[in-house]
Amino acid sequence: MGKTMLSLLPLVALSLPLAAPLSAEAGLPDAAAVNTALDDHPSVVTARAKVEAARAEARARAKGPHEITFSGTYNRRTIDQEGTFDEYDAQLSRAFRLPGKAELDRDIGQFGVDAAQNMAEDAKHQAALLLAGHWWDWLGASAEAEVDRQAAANYEQALAAVKRRVELKDAAPLEADQVEAALGNARLMAQQSEGRANVARARLAAHFPALAVPLQAPPVPAPEIPDGGLEHYRELVLTNSHEIAAADAQAGKMNSMAERARREKMADPSFGVRLFSERGGAEKGAGLVFSMPLGGGHRSALSDQAAAEAGAAQADAQMARFSVREMADSDVAEATYRFGAWQRAREGLNAQIAALTKLRKGYDLGEIDLADRLLAERMVHDAFRAEATARTEAQRAITKIRIDSHQLWLAD
């Protein structure tokens, strides 16, 4: 077998920043740049416009639906043997909300503003999750691409060494063919992972054009469990949920609207004044006018509809609590198992490197053939890729629970 070594072990040179403690923002984009990118995202812009719409609606409800109504008529009447007369009448009237309705209208408006504001914050939350997802897709694919490029470079060096041995009649041509096949596979994997990284970067830049995405992805740092532990973050997810707050505000709005519809069974009365002139001014007068619609089945049906919608809103608020609790529990579970999986991947990588070192010695001593040696090199390559993937997924899960708990990028 000779003394030639297929030196794939330089893969270890793909340094993992494990020795020094990492900052909470390691591997993430600048927080100020992220905040700008989130504020410019269309979903956030749309949600904030809806807040302004809700505020305008609240002002309109506080003013009330009734306005002053002016009406008038003009007639020219001809009476036999008496002549022609100009006649007119004018009326000014306005409906007034019955007691309690104005307060309910103000409550409805304020609940609407609260719901819209919380939905706007939740829209920013969802945009942050989208940004984080695309960010870790890019960093993860780039980390795999770096591993694959290093593997291909190492196989290229190994192929040159084996070809030299073939020229010196110290190795069979078959050995060069075996190494060349391994090199071809490594190059294929490098091209595929680089392509995935380019696609991920393009998606990130397309969704968040305001974020200055660097040309080269930063390395994926070693994950760390946040200070306070994951259970602490679980409670923060529940406490800081804008989804729950929005659902509660919407339920409050629908309850107030149901009470408003119930009171609307008794319609608002209208009061006004009337002036008239008849027979060319021979008869003049002024008076008060009063009108009031008499409610019937239509108003009763609208009240029943509003009551049913209020019940549905209460159920939606309860469902929001279930959804957020499920999210908090799953965030903790996923971050826990992803972190553990990364630790196991590190242990597996270390074991594969140790085994490869022994196989290389056996190969140098002529006790191991090239096929076994290439298999070991491939297994180390796979172990590096598995560790990079597990590291990225652990960071993704930890980033998600920090966003869901509003401890990252979302300052309330």
Protein backbone atom coordinates (compact mmCIF):
# COMPACT_ATOMS: atom_id res chain seq x y z
CA MET A 1 0.00 0.00 0.00
CA GLY A 2 2.97 2.33 0.52
CA LYS A 3 3.12 5.48 2.61
CA THR A 4 0.73 7.74 0.66
CA MET A 5 -2.03 9.30 2.79
CA LEU A 6 -5.39 10.53 1.42
CA SER A 7 -5.39 13.67 3.51
CA LEU A 8 -9.06 14.38 4.10
CA LEU A 9 -8.47 15.14 7.75
CA PRO A 10 -7.97 18.85 6.99
CA LEU A 11 -11.75 18.92 7.18
CA VAL A 12 -11.09 19.36 10.86
CA ALA A 13 -9.72 22.76 9.94
CA LEU A 14 -13.33 23.87 9.45
CA SER A 15 -13.17 25.47 12.84
CA LEU A 16 -16.19 25.44 15.13
CA PRO A 17 -16.14 28.40 17.55
CA LEU A 18 -16.55 26.33 20.67
CA ALA A 19 -13.88 27.44 23.07
CA ALA A 20 -15.06 30.93 23.96
CA PRO A 21 -18.58 31.79 25.17
CA LEU A 22 -20.76 33.19 22.42
CA SER A 23 -22.77 36.37 22.53
CA ALA A 24 -26.55 36.12 22.33
CA GLU A 25 -26.53 37.56 18.81
CA ALA A 26 -23.77 35.37 17.37
CA GLY A 27 -24.47 34.35 13.81
CA LEU A 28 -27.43 36.74 13.47
CA PRO A 29 -27.71 39.94 11.42
CA ASP A 30 -27.46 43.35 13.06
CA ALA A 31 -30.53 44.05 15.20
CA ALA A 32 -30.98 47.62 13.92
CA ALA A 33 -30.83 46.43 10.30
CA VAL A 34 -33.32 43.68 11.08
CA ASN A 35 -35.72 46.16 12.69
CA THR A 36 -35.61 48.34 9.58
CA ALA A 37 -36.16 45.35 7.32
CA LEU A 38 -39.13 44.18 9.40
CA ASP A 39 -40.71 47.63 9.46
CA ASP A 40 -40.44 47.79 5.66
CA HIS A 41 -41.96 44.35 5.10
CA PRO A 42 -45.32 44.60 3.27
CA SER A 43 -47.19 42.54 5.87
CA VAL A 44 -46.07 44.92 8.62
CA VAL A 45 -46.86 48.01 6.53
CA THR A 46 -50.33 46.61 5.83
CA ALA A 47 -50.98 45.86 9.49
CA ARG A 48 -49.93 49.36 10.57
CA ALA A 49 -52.23 50.89 7.97
CA LYS A 50 -55.04 48.86 9.50
CA VAL A 51 -54.20 50.39 12.88
CA GLU A 52 -54.78 53.86 11.40
CA ALA A 53 -58.03 52.60 9.89
CA ALA A 54 -59.10 51.31 13.31
CA ARG A 55 -58.30 54.66 14.92
CA ALA A 56 -60.39 56.45 12.31
CA GLU A 57 -63.23 54.00 12.93
CA ALA A 58 -62.96 54.66 16.67
CA ARG A 59 -63.25 58.41 16.08
CA ALA A 60 -66.29 57.86 13.89
CA ARG A 61 -67.97 55.65 16.48
CA ALA A 62 -67.25 58.18 19.22
CA LYS A 63 -68.97 60.87 17.14
CA GLY A 64 -71.91 58.60 16.47
CA PRO A 65 -73.77 57.66 13.28
CA HIS A 66 -76.32 60.47 13.42
CA GLU A 67 -76.02 63.82 11.63
CA ILE A 68 -78.19 66.88 11.30
CA THR A 69 -80.71 66.49 8.50
CA PHE A 70 -82.18 69.45 6.65
CA SER A 71 -85.21 69.06 4.45
CA GLY A 72 -87.45 71.54 2.75
CA THR A 73 -90.10 71.99 0.09
CA TYR A 74 -91.29 74.84 -2.10
CA ASN A 75 -94.70 74.91 -3.77
CA ARG A 76 -96.48 77.36 -6.04
CA ARG A 77 -100.21 76.85 -5.53
CA THR A 78 -103.10 78.35 -7.49
CA ILE A 79 -106.54 78.61 -5.91
CA ASP A 80 -109.62 79.46 -8.02
CA GLN A 81 -110.87 82.97 -7.47
CA GLU A 82 -108.08 83.60 -4.93
CA GLY A 83 -104.91 83.65 -6.96
CA THR A 84 -101.46 82.07 -6.93
CA PHE A 85 -99.45 81.64 -3.73
CA ASP A 86 -95.83 80.77 -2.91
CA GLU A 87 -95.55 78.22 -0.12
CA TYR A 88 -92.62 76.55 1.55
CA ASP A 89 -91.60 74.59 4.62
CA ALA A 90 -88.19 73.80 6.12
CA GLN A 91 -87.21 71.21 8.71
CA LEU A 92 -84.03 70.67 10.70
CA SER A 93 -83.74 67.41 12.67
CA ARG A 94 -81.21 65.08 14.25
CA ALA A 95 -81.36 61.65 15.86
CA PHE A 96 -79.83 61.18 19.31
CA ARG A 97 -78.38 58.00 20.78
CA LEU A 98 -80.26 56.65 23.73
CA PRO A 99 -78.34 56.50 27.04
CA GLY A 100 -75.57 53.86 27.12
CA LYS A 101 -75.17 53.57 23.35
CA ALA A 102 -72.46 56.25 23.06
CA GLU A 103 -70.36 54.58 25.75
CA LEU A 104 -70.68 51.24 23.97
CA ASP A 105 -69.63 52.86 20.69
CA ARG A 106 -66.51 54.26 22.35
CA ASP A 107 -65.74 50.84 23.83
CA ILE A 108 -66.14 49.20 20.42
CA GLY A 109 -63.77 51.71 18.86
CA GLN A 110 -61.11 51.29 21.55
CA PHE A 111 -61.30 47.50 21.40
CA GLY A 112 -60.85 47.74 17.64
CA VAL A 113 -57.73 49.88 18.03
CA ASP A 114 -56.30 47.49 20.62
CA ALA A 115 -56.95 44.50 18.36
CA ALA A 116 -55.37 46.22 15.35
CA GLN A 117 -52.29 47.28 17.31
CA ASN A 118 -51.72 43.77 18.61
CA MET A 119 -52.27 42.29 15.16
CA ALA A 120 -49.69 44.73 13.82
CA GLU A 121 -47.19 43.56 16.43
CA ASP A 122 -48.01 39.95 15.60
CA ALA A 123 -47.46 40.71 11.91
CA LYS A 124 -43.97 41.93 12.80
CA HIS A 125 -43.50 38.76 14.85
CA GLN A 126 -44.43 36.59 11.85
CA ALA A 127 -42.13 38.63 9.60
CA ALA A 128 -39.29 38.10 12.09
CA LEU A 129 -39.88 34.33 11.99
CA LEU A 130 -39.83 34.45 8.18
CA LEU A 131 -36.56 36.39 8.17
CA ALA A 132 -34.97 34.02 10.69
CA GLY A 133 -36.07 31.00 8.65
CA HIS A 134 -34.54 32.30 5.43
CA TRP A 135 -31.42 33.43 7.32
CA TRP A 136 -30.71 30.00 8.79
CA ASP A 137 -31.57 28.32 5.47
CA TRP A 138 -28.80 30.39 3.92
CA LEU A 139 -26.26 29.90 6.70
CA GLY A 140 -26.98 26.17 6.93
CA ALA A 141 -26.61 25.56 3.20
CA SER A 142 -23.46 27.69 3.16
CA ALA A 143 -21.96 25.67 6.03
CA GLU A 144 -22.62 22.43 4.15
CA ALA A 145 -21.17 23.94 0.99
CA GLU A 146 -17.98 24.85 2.86
CA VAL A 147 -17.63 21.28 4.12
CA ASP A 148 -18.21 19.91 0.62
CA ARG A 149 -15.71 22.32 -0.96
CA GLN A 150 -13.06 21.30 1.56
CA ALA A 151 -13.76 17.62 0.89
CA ALA A 152 -13.45 18.11 -2.85
CA ALA A 153 -10.17 19.99 -2.39
CA ASN A 154 -8.80 17.17 -0.21
CA TYR A 155 -9.82 14.52 -2.74
CA GLU A 156 -8.07 16.53 -5.45
CA GLN A 157 -4.85 16.45 -3.43
CA ALA A 158 -5.29 12.75 -2.79
CA LEU A 159 -5.88 12.02 -6.48
CA ALA A 160 -2.69 13.84 -7.43
CA ALA A 161 -0.75 11.77 -4.90
CA VAL A 162 -2.21 8.46 -6.11
CA LYS A 163 -1.56 9.33 -9.76
CA ARG A 164 2.04 10.01 -8.86
CA ARG A 165 2.24 6.57 -7.24
CA VAL A 166 0.75 5.00 -10.38
CA GLU A 167 3.42 6.68 -12.46
CA LEU A 168 6.05 5.25 -10.12
CA LYS A 169 4.46 1.77 -10.42
CA ASP A 170 3.75 1.87 -6.69
CA ALA A 171 -0.04 1.63 -7.10
CA ALA A 172 -2.49 0.08 -9.54
CA PRO A 173 -4.45 2.35 -11.92
CA LEU A 174 -7.63 1.06 -10.25
CA GLU A 175 -6.72 2.99 -7.10
CA ALA A 176 -6.59 6.24 -9.07
CA ASP A 177 -9.99 5.40 -10.57
CA GLN A 178 -11.43 4.84 -7.09
CA VAL A 179 -10.16 8.16 -5.80
CA GLU A 180 -11.35 9.95 -8.94
CA ALA A 181 -14.85 8.50 -8.44
CA ALA A 182 -14.86 9.76 -4.85
CA LEU A 183 -13.72 13.17 -6.11
CA GLY A 184 -16.56 13.29 -8.64
CA ASN A 185 -19.11 12.56 -5.95
CA ALA A 186 -17.60 15.23 -3.67
CA ARG A 187 -17.72 17.79 -6.46
CA LEU A 188 -21.37 16.95 -7.12
CA MET A 189 -22.26 17.45 -3.47
CA ALA A 190 -20.32 20.72 -3.38
CA GLN A 191 -22.18 22.04 -6.43
CA GLN A 192 -25.56 21.03 -5.02
CA SER A 193 -24.96 22.58 -1.60
CA GLU A 194 -23.61 25.76 -3.15
CA GLY A 195 -26.72 25.95 -5.33
CA ARG A 196 -28.97 25.58 -2.28
CA ALA A 197 -27.04 28.35 -0.55
CA ASN A 198 -27.49 30.65 -3.55
CA VAL A 199 -31.22 29.93 -3.69
CA ALA A 200 -31.59 30.57 0.05
CA ARG A 201 -29.73 33.88 -0.21
CA ALA A 202 -31.89 34.93 -3.17
CA ARG A 203 -35.05 34.20 -1.19
CA LEU A 204 -33.79 36.15 1.80
CA ALA A 205 -32.90 39.16 -0.34
CA ALA A 206 -36.22 39.02 -2.21
CA HIS A 207 -38.38 38.91 0.93
CA PHE A 208 -36.33 41.52 2.80
CA PRO A 209 -34.78 43.93 0.28
CA ALA A 210 -34.10 46.47 3.04
CA LEU A 211 -31.71 44.02 4.73
CA ALA A 212 -28.14 44.31 3.46
CA VAL A 213 -27.33 40.63 2.92
CA PRO A 214 -23.56 40.02 2.75
CA LEU A 215 -22.13 38.12 -0.20
CA GLN A 216 -20.60 35.49 2.06
CA ALA A 217 -22.59 33.85 4.81
CA PRO A 218 -21.10 34.12 8.31
CA PRO A 219 -20.24 30.82 9.99
CA VAL A 220 -22.89 29.08 12.05
CA PRO A 221 -21.74 29.39 15.68
CA ALA A 222 -22.12 26.69 18.26
CA PRO A 223 -25.60 26.89 19.82
CA GLU A 224 -26.12 27.80 23.47
CA ILE A 225 -29.18 27.52 25.66
CA PRO A 226 -30.28 31.10 26.48
CA ASP A 227 -29.81 32.52 29.96
CA GLY A 228 -32.67 31.60 32.24
CA GLY A 229 -33.28 28.25 30.59
CA LEU A 230 -35.88 27.21 28.06
CA GLU A 231 -38.72 26.95 30.61
CA HIS A 232 -38.28 30.64 31.40
CA TYR A 233 -38.64 31.42 27.70
CA ARG A 234 -41.73 29.24 27.54
CA GLU A 235 -43.46 31.47 30.09
CA LEU A 236 -42.37 34.57 28.18
CA VAL A 237 -43.95 33.18 25.01
CA LEU A 238 -47.30 32.99 26.83
CA THR A 239 -46.93 36.33 28.60
CA ASN A 240 -45.85 38.38 25.58
CA SER A 241 -48.19 36.88 22.99
CA HIS A 242 -49.81 39.55 20.83
CA GLU A 243 -51.94 36.85 19.25
CA ILE A 244 -53.73 36.29 22.56
CA ALA A 245 -54.03 40.02 23.22
CA ALA A 246 -55.50 40.62 19.76
CA ALA A 247 -58.01 37.80 20.17
CA ASP A 248 -59.05 39.12 23.59
CA ALA A 249 -59.51 42.63 22.19
CA GLN A 250 -61.54 41.28 19.28
CA ALA A 251 -63.71 39.29 21.69
CA GLY A 252 -64.24 42.45 23.77
CA LYS A 253 -65.22 44.34 20.63
CA MET A 254 -67.72 41.67 19.58
CA ASN A 255 -69.23 41.54 23.08
CA SER A 256 -69.73 45.30 23.02
CA MET A 257 -71.20 45.10 19.54
CA ALA A 258 -73.62 42.41 20.71
CA GLU A 259 -74.79 44.62 23.58
CA ARG A 260 -75.01 47.55 21.18
CA ALA A 261 -77.20 45.51 18.82
CA ARG A 262 -79.41 44.44 21.72
CA ARG A 263 -79.97 48.05 22.69
CA GLU A 264 -80.57 48.94 19.07
CA LYS A 265 -83.84 47.03 19.27
CA MET A 266 -85.13 50.35 20.60
CA ALA A 267 -84.26 52.78 17.83
CA ASP A 268 -82.88 56.26 18.42
CA PRO A 269 -85.44 59.06 18.35
CA SER A 270 -85.11 62.14 16.14
CA PHE A 271 -85.98 65.68 17.23
CA GLY A 272 -86.17 68.81 15.12
CA VAL A 273 -87.85 72.09 14.30
CA ARG A 274 -90.11 72.97 11.38
CA LEU A 275 -90.88 76.33 9.78
CA PHE A 276 -93.58 76.83 7.19
CA SER A 277 -95.28 79.52 5.16
CA GLU A 278 -98.58 79.02 3.31
CA ARG A 279 -100.87 81.10 1.11
CA GLY A 280 -98.12 83.51 0.23
CA GLY A 281 -97.24 84.21 3.84
CA ALA A 282 -100.80 84.56 5.06
CA GLU A 283 -100.19 81.59 7.29
CA LYS A 284 -96.86 81.14 9.02
CA GLY A 285 -95.77 78.86 11.80
CA ALA A 286 -93.06 76.95 13.57
CA GLY A 287 -93.09 73.73 15.52
CA LEU A 288 -91.21 70.76 16.87
CA VAL A 289 -91.02 67.41 15.11
CA PHE A 290 -90.36 63.99 16.57
CA SER A 291 -89.88 60.64 14.91
CA MET A 292 -88.81 57.20 16.06
CA PRO A 293 -88.61 53.95 14.06
CA LEU A 294 -90.58 51.09 15.57
CA GLY A 295 -88.29 48.08 15.80
CA GLY A 296 -89.40 44.74 14.47
CA GLY A 297 -88.06 41.35 13.47
CA HIS A 298 -85.13 42.79 11.50
CA ARG A 299 -83.56 44.46 14.51
CA SER A 300 -84.14 41.39 16.64
CA ALA A 301 -82.42 39.18 14.06
CA LEU A 302 -79.42 41.53 13.91
CA SER A 303 -79.17 41.35 17.70
CA ASP A 304 -79.18 37.54 17.59
CA GLN A 305 -76.51 37.60 14.88
CA ALA A 306 -74.26 39.88 16.93
CA ALA A 307 -74.69 37.68 20.02
CA ALA A 308 -73.68 34.58 18.03
CA GLU A 309 -70.64 36.37 16.58
CA ALA A 310 -69.61 37.44 20.10
CA GLY A 311 -69.75 33.80 21.18
CA ALA A 312 -67.59 32.83 18.21
CA ALA A 313 -65.07 35.54 19.11
CA GLN A 314 -64.84 34.18 22.66
CA ALA A 315 -64.14 30.72 21.25
CA ASP A 316 -61.50 32.21 18.94
CA ALA A 317 -59.80 33.83 21.94
CA GLN A 318 -59.73 30.47 23.71
CA MET A 319 -58.34 28.84 20.57
CA ALA A 320 -55.62 31.51 20.42
CA ARG A 321 -54.58 30.53 23.95
CA PHE A 322 -54.45 26.87 22.93
CA SER A 323 -52.39 27.76 19.85
CA VAL A 324 -49.88 29.89 21.74
CA ARG A 325 -49.52 27.33 24.51
CA GLU A 326 -48.90 24.63 21.92
CA MET A 327 -46.32 26.90 20.26
CA ALA A 328 -44.57 27.55 23.57
CA ASP A 329 -44.46 23.83 24.46
CA SER A 330 -43.28 22.81 20.99
CA ASP A 331 -40.65 25.57 20.96
CA VAL A 332 -39.17 24.23 24.19
CA ALA A 333 -39.36 20.62 23.01
CA GLU A 334 -37.78 21.36 19.64
CA ALA A 335 -35.00 23.55 21.02
CA THR A 336 -34.22 20.86 23.60
CA TYR A 337 -34.02 17.99 21.16
CA ARG A 338 -32.23 20.00 18.47
CA PHE A 339 -29.59 21.07 20.97
CA GLY A 340 -29.20 17.47 22.12
CA ALA A 341 -29.01 16.23 18.52
CA TRP A 342 -26.21 18.70 17.80
CA GLN A 343 -24.28 17.43 20.84
CA ARG A 344 -24.68 13.85 19.61
CA ALA A 345 -23.54 14.93 16.13
CA ARG A 346 -20.41 16.47 17.65
CA GLU A 347 -19.71 13.28 19.55
CA GLY A 348 -20.25 11.21 16.40
CA LEU A 349 -17.91 13.46 14.45
CA ASN A 350 -15.18 13.10 17.05
CA ALA A 351 -15.59 9.32 16.99
CA GLN A 352 -15.41 9.24 13.18
CA ILE A 353 -12.21 11.33 13.21
CA ALA A 354 -10.64 9.01 15.77
CA ALA A 355 -11.59 5.96 13.69
CA LEU A 356 -10.22 7.57 10.52
CA THR A 357 -6.89 8.26 12.22
CA LYS A 358 -6.57 4.55 13.05
CA LEU A 359 -7.61 3.50 9.53
CA ARG A 360 -5.00 5.81 8.03
CA LYS A 361 -2.31 4.20 10.11
CA GLY A 362 -3.53 0.79 9.00
CA TYR A 363 -3.51 1.92 5.39
CA ASP A 364 0.04 3.22 5.72
CA LEU A 365 1.09 -0.12 7.20
CA GLY A 366 -0.55 -2.05 4.38
CA GLU A 367 -3.18 -3.63 6.62
CA ILE A 368 -6.18 -1.70 5.18
CA ASP A 369 -7.07 -1.52 1.51
CA LEU A 370 -8.01 1.64 -0.36
CA ALA A 371 -11.77 0.88 -0.51
CA ASP A 372 -12.02 0.75 3.29
CA ARG A 373 -9.94 3.88 3.53
CA LEU A 374 -12.17 5.77 1.10
CA LEU A 375 -15.27 4.60 2.94
CA ALA A 376 -13.85 5.98 6.18
CA GLU A 377 -13.02 9.29 4.51
CA ARG A 378 -16.58 9.48 3.16
CA MET A 379 -18.02 8.73 6.60
CA VAL A 380 -15.99 11.57 8.09
CA HIS A 381 -17.22 13.86 5.35
CA ASP A 382 -20.81 12.82 6.11
CA ALA A 383 -20.20 13.36 9.83
CA PHE A 384 -19.01 16.93 9.18
CA ARG A 385 -22.11 17.60 7.09
CA ALA A 386 -24.40 16.08 9.73
CA GLU A 387 -22.79 18.22 12.43
CA ALA A 388 -23.20 21.37 10.33
CA THR A 389 -26.87 20.55 9.70
CA ALA A 390 -27.54 19.75 13.37
CA ARG A 391 -25.78 22.96 14.46
CA THR A 392 -27.90 25.03 12.09
CA GLU A 393 -31.16 23.40 13.17
CA ALA A 394 -30.32 23.92 16.83
CA GLN A 395 -29.63 27.60 16.17
CA ARG A 396 -32.88 27.84 14.19
CA ALA A 397 -34.89 26.38 17.08
CA ILE A 398 -33.23 28.61 19.70
CA THR A 399 -33.75 31.68 17.52
CA LYS A 400 -37.44 30.81 17.13
CA ILE A 401 -38.12 30.55 20.85
CA ARG A 402 -36.29 33.84 21.42
CA ILE A 403 -38.46 35.51 18.78
CA ASP A 404 -41.68 33.92 20.04
CA SER A 405 -40.85 35.13 23.55
CA HIS A 406 -40.10 38.64 22.18
CA GLN A 407 -36.55 38.56 23.51
CA LEU A 408 -35.04 38.94 20.04
CA TRP A 409 -35.81 41.76 17.54
CA LEU A 410 -39.25 42.47 19.04
CA ALA A 411 -39.10 45.13 21.71
CA ASP A 412 -42.54 45.91 23.13
